């Protein structure tokens, strides 16, 4: 894997500067997973089915992400935000979600996914 991060992020990591809110910069990967076609599926299935699917999606995503060192952080609209640390685990997560063990349909929803991942130095609040 090639490190494409700017030099200033390495400096932040090496000095372990404490940010005002008490957070320490951490090398991490944020993953955003979006359910393709969610809005039209909600229109067709209705609100109750959408809420049922949302909980199912969170549970199924968590089951697939945690073995690879990724944690479910929060839903963002029809997407989910995950956090992890190891780039090799990201590759394993991608293979799991898109090839080996994709999330099956539920409550009238087809959970086709789009994914965006970003590795950088992030500061997380302890709150």
N, C-alpha and C. Protein backbone atom coordinates (compact mmCIF):
# COMPACT_ATOMS: atom_id res chain seq x y z
N UNK A 1 0.83 -1.17 0.00
CA UNK A 1 0.00 0.00 0.00
C UNK A 1 0.89 1.24 0.00
N UNK A 2 0.53 2.23 -0.77
CA UNK A 2 1.31 3.45 -0.88
C UNK A 2 0.70 4.52 0.03
N UNK A 3 1.54 5.19 0.80
CA UNK A 3 1.08 6.26 1.68
C UNK A 3 1.01 7.56 0.89
N UNK A 4 -0.20 8.03 0.61
CA UNK A 4 -0.39 9.24 -0.20
C UNK A 4 -0.74 10.46 0.65
N UNK A 5 -0.68 10.31 1.96
CA UNK A 5 -1.06 11.42 2.83
C UNK A 5 -0.01 12.53 2.78
N UNK A 6 -0.44 13.79 2.96
CA UNK A 6 0.52 14.88 2.95
C UNK A 6 1.47 14.80 4.14
N UNK A 7 2.66 15.40 3.97
CA UNK A 7 3.68 15.35 5.01
C UNK A 7 3.22 15.94 6.33
N UNK A 8 2.37 16.97 6.31
CA UNK A 8 1.96 17.60 7.57
C UNK A 8 1.17 16.64 8.44
N UNK A 9 0.45 15.69 7.86
CA UNK A 9 -0.29 14.72 8.69
C UNK A 9 0.67 13.80 9.42
N UNK A 10 1.79 13.46 8.79
CA UNK A 10 2.79 12.64 9.48
C UNK A 10 3.39 13.42 10.65
N UNK A 11 3.58 14.71 10.47
CA UNK A 11 4.11 15.54 11.55
C UNK A 11 3.14 15.55 12.74
N UNK A 12 1.85 15.68 12.46
CA UNK A 12 0.86 15.67 13.53
C UNK A 12 0.92 14.34 14.27
N UNK A 13 1.01 13.25 13.55
CA UNK A 13 1.06 11.93 14.19
C UNK A 13 2.30 11.81 15.06
N UNK A 14 3.45 12.25 14.55
CA UNK A 14 4.70 12.08 15.28
C UNK A 14 4.77 12.94 16.53
N UNK A 15 4.16 14.09 16.55
CA UNK A 15 4.22 14.94 17.73
C UNK A 15 3.11 14.61 18.73
N UNK A 16 2.11 13.83 18.31
CA UNK A 16 0.98 13.45 19.17
C UNK A 16 0.37 14.68 19.85
N UNK A 17 0.17 15.72 19.06
CA UNK A 17 -0.40 16.94 19.60
C UNK A 17 -1.80 16.68 20.13
N UNK A 18 -2.08 17.25 21.27
CA UNK A 18 -3.41 17.14 21.84
C UNK A 18 -4.23 18.31 21.35
N UNK A 19 -5.38 18.03 20.77
CA UNK A 19 -6.26 19.06 20.24
C UNK A 19 -7.07 19.66 21.39
N UNK A 20 -7.62 20.84 21.22
CA UNK A 20 -8.31 21.56 22.29
C UNK A 20 -9.36 20.71 23.01
N UNK A 21 -10.10 19.87 22.30
CA UNK A 21 -11.16 19.11 22.96
C UNK A 21 -10.61 17.86 23.65
N UNK A 22 -9.31 17.71 23.69
CA UNK A 22 -8.72 16.57 24.38
C UNK A 22 -8.49 15.38 23.47
N UNK A 23 -8.83 15.51 22.19
CA UNK A 23 -8.63 14.39 21.27
C UNK A 23 -7.20 14.33 20.78
N UNK A 24 -6.75 13.16 20.45
CA UNK A 24 -5.42 12.94 19.88
C UNK A 24 -5.60 12.47 18.45
N UNK A 25 -4.87 13.04 17.49
CA UNK A 25 -5.02 12.59 16.10
C UNK A 25 -4.73 11.09 15.98
N UNK A 26 -5.60 10.39 15.28
CA UNK A 26 -5.44 8.96 15.06
C UNK A 26 -5.47 8.67 13.57
N UNK A 27 -4.57 7.81 13.13
CA UNK A 27 -4.59 7.33 11.76
C UNK A 27 -5.77 6.38 11.65
N UNK A 28 -6.73 6.71 10.82
CA UNK A 28 -7.95 5.90 10.75
C UNK A 28 -8.53 5.93 9.34
N UNK A 29 -9.50 5.07 9.14
CA UNK A 29 -10.22 4.98 7.88
C UNK A 29 -11.69 5.20 8.17
N UNK A 30 -12.28 6.18 7.50
CA UNK A 30 -13.73 6.37 7.56
C UNK A 30 -14.32 5.80 6.28
N UNK A 31 -15.39 5.05 6.43
CA UNK A 31 -16.06 4.42 5.30
C UNK A 31 -17.51 4.89 5.29
N UNK A 32 -17.96 5.34 4.15
CA UNK A 32 -19.36 5.72 3.96
C UNK A 32 -19.97 4.71 3.00
N UNK A 33 -21.01 4.02 3.45
CA UNK A 33 -21.72 3.05 2.62
C UNK A 33 -23.12 3.58 2.35
N UNK A 34 -23.46 3.69 1.09
CA UNK A 34 -24.73 4.25 0.65
C UNK A 34 -25.57 3.13 0.03
N UNK A 35 -26.85 3.07 0.39
CA UNK A 35 -27.77 2.10 -0.22
C UNK A 35 -28.27 2.69 -1.53
N UNK A 36 -27.94 2.05 -2.62
CA UNK A 36 -28.32 2.53 -3.96
C UNK A 36 -29.84 2.44 -4.13
N UNK A 37 -30.45 3.53 -4.59
CA UNK A 37 -31.88 3.53 -4.87
C UNK A 37 -32.76 3.50 -3.63
N UNK A 38 -32.25 3.96 -2.50
CA UNK A 38 -33.00 3.90 -1.25
C UNK A 38 -34.31 4.70 -1.31
N UNK A 39 -34.24 5.93 -1.80
CA UNK A 39 -35.43 6.80 -1.80
C UNK A 39 -36.58 6.20 -2.61
N UNK A 40 -36.37 5.73 -3.84
CA UNK A 40 -37.48 5.10 -4.56
C UNK A 40 -38.01 3.84 -3.85
N UNK A 41 -37.10 3.12 -3.19
CA UNK A 41 -37.54 1.92 -2.46
C UNK A 41 -38.41 2.29 -1.26
N UNK A 42 -38.11 3.42 -0.60
CA UNK A 42 -38.93 3.88 0.52
C UNK A 42 -40.31 4.26 0.02
N UNK A 43 -40.36 4.96 -1.12
CA UNK A 43 -41.66 5.35 -1.68
C UNK A 43 -42.52 4.12 -1.95
N UNK A 44 -41.90 3.08 -2.46
CA UNK A 44 -42.65 1.87 -2.79
C UNK A 44 -43.02 1.05 -1.56
N UNK A 45 -42.10 0.93 -0.61
CA UNK A 45 -42.32 0.05 0.54
C UNK A 45 -43.08 0.73 1.69
N UNK A 46 -42.90 2.04 1.86
CA UNK A 46 -43.56 2.76 2.95
C UNK A 46 -42.65 2.94 4.16
N UNK A 47 -43.07 3.83 5.04
CA UNK A 47 -42.28 4.22 6.20
C UNK A 47 -41.98 3.11 7.19
N UNK A 48 -42.98 2.29 7.50
CA UNK A 48 -42.77 1.20 8.47
C UNK A 48 -41.73 0.21 7.96
N UNK A 49 -41.84 -0.18 6.70
CA UNK A 49 -40.87 -1.10 6.09
C UNK A 49 -39.49 -0.46 6.04
N UNK A 50 -39.44 0.86 5.79
CA UNK A 50 -38.15 1.56 5.75
C UNK A 50 -37.48 1.52 7.12
N UNK A 51 -38.23 1.76 8.19
CA UNK A 51 -37.66 1.70 9.54
C UNK A 51 -37.18 0.29 9.85
N UNK A 52 -37.94 -0.71 9.44
CA UNK A 52 -37.54 -2.10 9.65
C UNK A 52 -36.24 -2.40 8.89
N UNK A 53 -36.17 -1.94 7.64
CA UNK A 53 -34.96 -2.16 6.86
C UNK A 53 -33.77 -1.43 7.45
N UNK A 54 -33.98 -0.19 7.90
CA UNK A 54 -32.87 0.59 8.47
C UNK A 54 -32.21 -0.15 9.63
N UNK A 55 -33.01 -0.70 10.53
CA UNK A 55 -32.46 -1.45 11.67
C UNK A 55 -31.77 -2.73 11.18
N UNK A 56 -32.39 -3.42 10.25
CA UNK A 56 -31.80 -4.63 9.66
C UNK A 56 -30.46 -4.31 9.02
N UNK A 57 -30.41 -3.23 8.25
CA UNK A 57 -29.18 -2.83 7.56
C UNK A 57 -28.07 -2.55 8.57
N UNK A 58 -28.38 -1.80 9.63
CA UNK A 58 -27.39 -1.51 10.66
C UNK A 58 -26.88 -2.80 11.30
N UNK A 59 -27.78 -3.69 11.66
CA UNK A 59 -27.39 -4.95 12.31
C UNK A 59 -26.54 -5.81 11.38
N UNK A 60 -26.97 -5.95 10.14
CA UNK A 60 -26.24 -6.79 9.18
C UNK A 60 -24.88 -6.19 8.83
N UNK A 61 -24.83 -4.89 8.70
CA UNK A 61 -23.56 -4.22 8.40
C UNK A 61 -22.60 -4.38 9.58
N UNK A 62 -23.09 -4.22 10.78
CA UNK A 62 -22.27 -4.38 11.98
C UNK A 62 -21.71 -5.80 12.06
N UNK A 63 -22.54 -6.79 11.79
CA UNK A 63 -22.09 -8.20 11.81
C UNK A 63 -20.96 -8.45 10.82
N UNK A 64 -21.00 -7.78 9.69
CA UNK A 64 -19.97 -7.98 8.66
C UNK A 64 -18.74 -7.10 8.90
N UNK A 65 -18.90 -5.95 9.52
CA UNK A 65 -17.80 -5.00 9.69
C UNK A 65 -16.92 -5.33 10.90
N UNK A 66 -17.52 -5.70 12.02
CA UNK A 66 -16.75 -5.90 13.25
C UNK A 66 -15.64 -6.95 13.13
N UNK A 67 -15.86 -8.08 12.45
CA UNK A 67 -14.75 -9.04 12.34
C UNK A 67 -13.53 -8.49 11.59
N UNK A 68 -13.73 -7.41 10.85
CA UNK A 68 -12.64 -6.78 10.10
C UNK A 68 -12.09 -5.54 10.81
N UNK A 69 -12.50 -5.34 12.06
CA UNK A 69 -11.98 -4.21 12.84
C UNK A 69 -12.65 -2.88 12.55
N UNK A 70 -13.82 -2.89 11.95
CA UNK A 70 -14.56 -1.66 11.68
C UNK A 70 -15.77 -1.57 12.60
N UNK A 71 -16.06 -0.38 13.06
CA UNK A 71 -17.20 -0.13 13.94
C UNK A 71 -18.23 0.73 13.23
N UNK A 72 -19.49 0.43 13.47
CA UNK A 72 -20.59 1.26 12.97
C UNK A 72 -20.62 2.50 13.84
N UNK A 73 -20.51 3.69 13.21
CA UNK A 73 -20.53 4.94 13.96
C UNK A 73 -21.94 5.52 14.03
N UNK A 74 -22.55 5.71 12.85
CA UNK A 74 -23.89 6.30 12.83
C UNK A 74 -24.47 6.21 11.43
N UNK A 75 -25.80 6.25 11.35
CA UNK A 75 -26.41 6.39 10.02
C UNK A 75 -26.34 7.86 9.61
N UNK A 76 -26.23 8.07 8.31
CA UNK A 76 -26.28 9.43 7.75
C UNK A 76 -27.25 9.35 6.58
N UNK A 77 -28.50 9.70 6.85
CA UNK A 77 -29.53 9.55 5.83
C UNK A 77 -29.68 8.09 5.47
N UNK A 78 -29.53 7.78 4.19
CA UNK A 78 -29.65 6.39 3.73
C UNK A 78 -28.29 5.70 3.67
N UNK A 79 -27.30 6.28 4.33
CA UNK A 79 -25.95 5.72 4.33
C UNK A 79 -25.53 5.39 5.75
N UNK A 80 -24.39 4.74 5.87
CA UNK A 80 -23.84 4.39 7.17
C UNK A 80 -22.37 4.81 7.21
N UNK A 81 -21.93 5.28 8.37
CA UNK A 81 -20.54 5.67 8.57
C UNK A 81 -19.87 4.61 9.45
N UNK A 82 -18.75 4.08 8.95
CA UNK A 82 -17.95 3.10 9.68
C UNK A 82 -16.57 3.69 9.95
N UNK A 83 -15.88 3.15 10.96
CA UNK A 83 -14.55 3.60 11.33
C UNK A 83 -13.68 2.39 11.60
N UNK A 84 -12.45 2.42 11.10
CA UNK A 84 -11.50 1.35 11.36
C UNK A 84 -10.09 1.88 11.23
N UNK A 85 -9.10 1.00 11.42
CA UNK A 85 -7.71 1.46 11.43
C UNK A 85 -6.81 0.77 10.42
N UNK A 86 -7.10 -0.43 10.02
CA UNK A 86 -6.14 -1.20 9.24
C UNK A 86 -6.53 -1.25 7.76
N UNK A 87 -5.69 -0.71 6.86
CA UNK A 87 -6.01 -0.74 5.42
C UNK A 87 -6.21 -2.16 4.88
N UNK A 88 -5.47 -3.12 5.38
CA UNK A 88 -5.66 -4.51 4.92
C UNK A 88 -7.06 -5.01 5.30
N UNK A 89 -7.55 -4.58 6.44
CA UNK A 89 -8.90 -4.96 6.86
C UNK A 89 -9.95 -4.31 5.97
N UNK A 90 -9.64 -3.14 5.44
CA UNK A 90 -10.57 -2.48 4.52
C UNK A 90 -10.78 -3.33 3.28
N UNK A 91 -9.71 -3.87 2.75
CA UNK A 91 -9.82 -4.75 1.58
C UNK A 91 -10.69 -5.96 1.92
N UNK A 92 -10.47 -6.55 3.08
CA UNK A 92 -11.28 -7.71 3.50
C UNK A 92 -12.75 -7.32 3.66
N UNK A 93 -13.01 -6.14 4.20
CA UNK A 93 -14.39 -5.66 4.35
C UNK A 93 -15.05 -5.48 2.99
N UNK A 94 -14.32 -4.90 2.05
CA UNK A 94 -14.86 -4.72 0.71
C UNK A 94 -15.22 -6.07 0.09
N UNK A 95 -14.33 -7.04 0.20
CA UNK A 95 -14.61 -8.37 -0.35
C UNK A 95 -15.83 -9.00 0.31
N UNK A 96 -15.94 -8.82 1.62
CA UNK A 96 -17.10 -9.37 2.34
C UNK A 96 -18.40 -8.75 1.84
N UNK A 97 -18.44 -7.43 1.80
CA UNK A 97 -19.69 -6.73 1.46
C UNK A 97 -20.10 -6.85 0.00
N UNK A 98 -19.12 -6.95 -0.89
CA UNK A 98 -19.44 -6.92 -2.31
C UNK A 98 -19.29 -8.26 -3.01
N UNK A 99 -18.67 -9.24 -2.36
CA UNK A 99 -18.45 -10.51 -3.04
C UNK A 99 -18.85 -11.72 -2.20
N UNK A 100 -18.22 -11.89 -1.04
CA UNK A 100 -18.36 -13.11 -0.26
C UNK A 100 -19.66 -13.21 0.54
N UNK A 101 -20.11 -12.09 1.12
CA UNK A 101 -21.26 -12.14 2.01
C UNK A 101 -22.06 -10.84 1.94
N UNK A 102 -22.60 -10.50 0.77
CA UNK A 102 -23.37 -9.25 0.67
C UNK A 102 -24.64 -9.31 1.53
N UNK A 103 -25.12 -8.15 1.91
CA UNK A 103 -26.34 -8.07 2.72
C UNK A 103 -27.53 -8.44 1.84
N UNK A 104 -28.30 -9.47 2.25
CA UNK A 104 -29.43 -9.89 1.42
C UNK A 104 -30.62 -8.92 1.49
N UNK A 105 -31.52 -8.99 0.51
CA UNK A 105 -32.73 -8.16 0.53
C UNK A 105 -33.55 -8.42 1.80
N UNK A 106 -34.29 -7.40 2.20
CA UNK A 106 -35.13 -7.52 3.40
C UNK A 106 -36.22 -6.46 3.34
N UNK A 107 -37.42 -6.82 3.76
CA UNK A 107 -38.56 -5.90 3.88
C UNK A 107 -38.84 -5.14 2.58
N UNK A 108 -38.60 -5.80 1.45
CA UNK A 108 -38.86 -5.17 0.16
C UNK A 108 -37.73 -4.29 -0.34
N UNK A 109 -36.60 -4.28 0.34
CA UNK A 109 -35.45 -3.45 -0.04
C UNK A 109 -34.34 -4.31 -0.61
N UNK A 110 -33.73 -3.83 -1.68
CA UNK A 110 -32.53 -4.43 -2.28
C UNK A 110 -31.34 -3.57 -1.85
N UNK A 111 -30.52 -4.07 -0.93
CA UNK A 111 -29.44 -3.22 -0.41
C UNK A 111 -28.18 -3.22 -1.28
N UNK A 112 -28.31 -2.79 -2.54
CA UNK A 112 -27.12 -2.58 -3.35
C UNK A 112 -26.31 -1.45 -2.72
N UNK A 113 -25.01 -1.57 -2.69
CA UNK A 113 -24.19 -0.59 -1.97
C UNK A 113 -23.24 0.17 -2.89
N UNK A 114 -22.95 1.40 -2.49
CA UNK A 114 -21.84 2.19 -3.00
C UNK A 114 -20.97 2.50 -1.79
N UNK A 115 -19.67 2.59 -2.03
CA UNK A 115 -18.76 2.77 -0.90
C UNK A 115 -17.71 3.84 -1.20
N UNK A 116 -17.42 4.63 -0.19
CA UNK A 116 -16.35 5.60 -0.24
C UNK A 116 -15.52 5.43 1.02
N UNK A 117 -14.21 5.33 0.89
CA UNK A 117 -13.34 5.19 2.06
C UNK A 117 -12.26 6.26 1.99
N UNK A 118 -11.91 6.80 3.16
CA UNK A 118 -10.88 7.83 3.23
C UNK A 118 -9.98 7.54 4.44
N UNK A 119 -8.68 7.43 4.18
CA UNK A 119 -7.72 7.24 5.27
C UNK A 119 -7.00 8.54 5.51
N UNK A 120 -6.94 8.96 6.76
CA UNK A 120 -6.28 10.21 7.13
C UNK A 120 -6.07 10.21 8.64
N UNK A 121 -5.60 11.34 9.14
CA UNK A 121 -5.50 11.52 10.58
C UNK A 121 -6.73 12.28 11.04
N UNK A 122 -7.49 11.68 11.93
CA UNK A 122 -8.72 12.25 12.43
C UNK A 122 -8.59 12.48 13.93
N UNK A 123 -9.29 13.47 14.42
CA UNK A 123 -9.36 13.70 15.87
C UNK A 123 -10.80 13.45 16.28
N UNK A 124 -10.98 12.57 17.23
CA UNK A 124 -12.31 12.24 17.71
C UNK A 124 -12.50 12.78 19.11
N UNK A 125 -13.62 13.38 19.34
CA UNK A 125 -13.95 13.87 20.67
C UNK A 125 -14.23 12.69 21.58
N UNK A 126 -13.89 12.80 22.82
CA UNK A 126 -14.12 11.70 23.77
C UNK A 126 -15.56 11.70 24.28
N UNK A 127 -16.36 12.66 23.88
CA UNK A 127 -17.77 12.75 24.33
C UNK A 127 -18.61 11.69 23.67
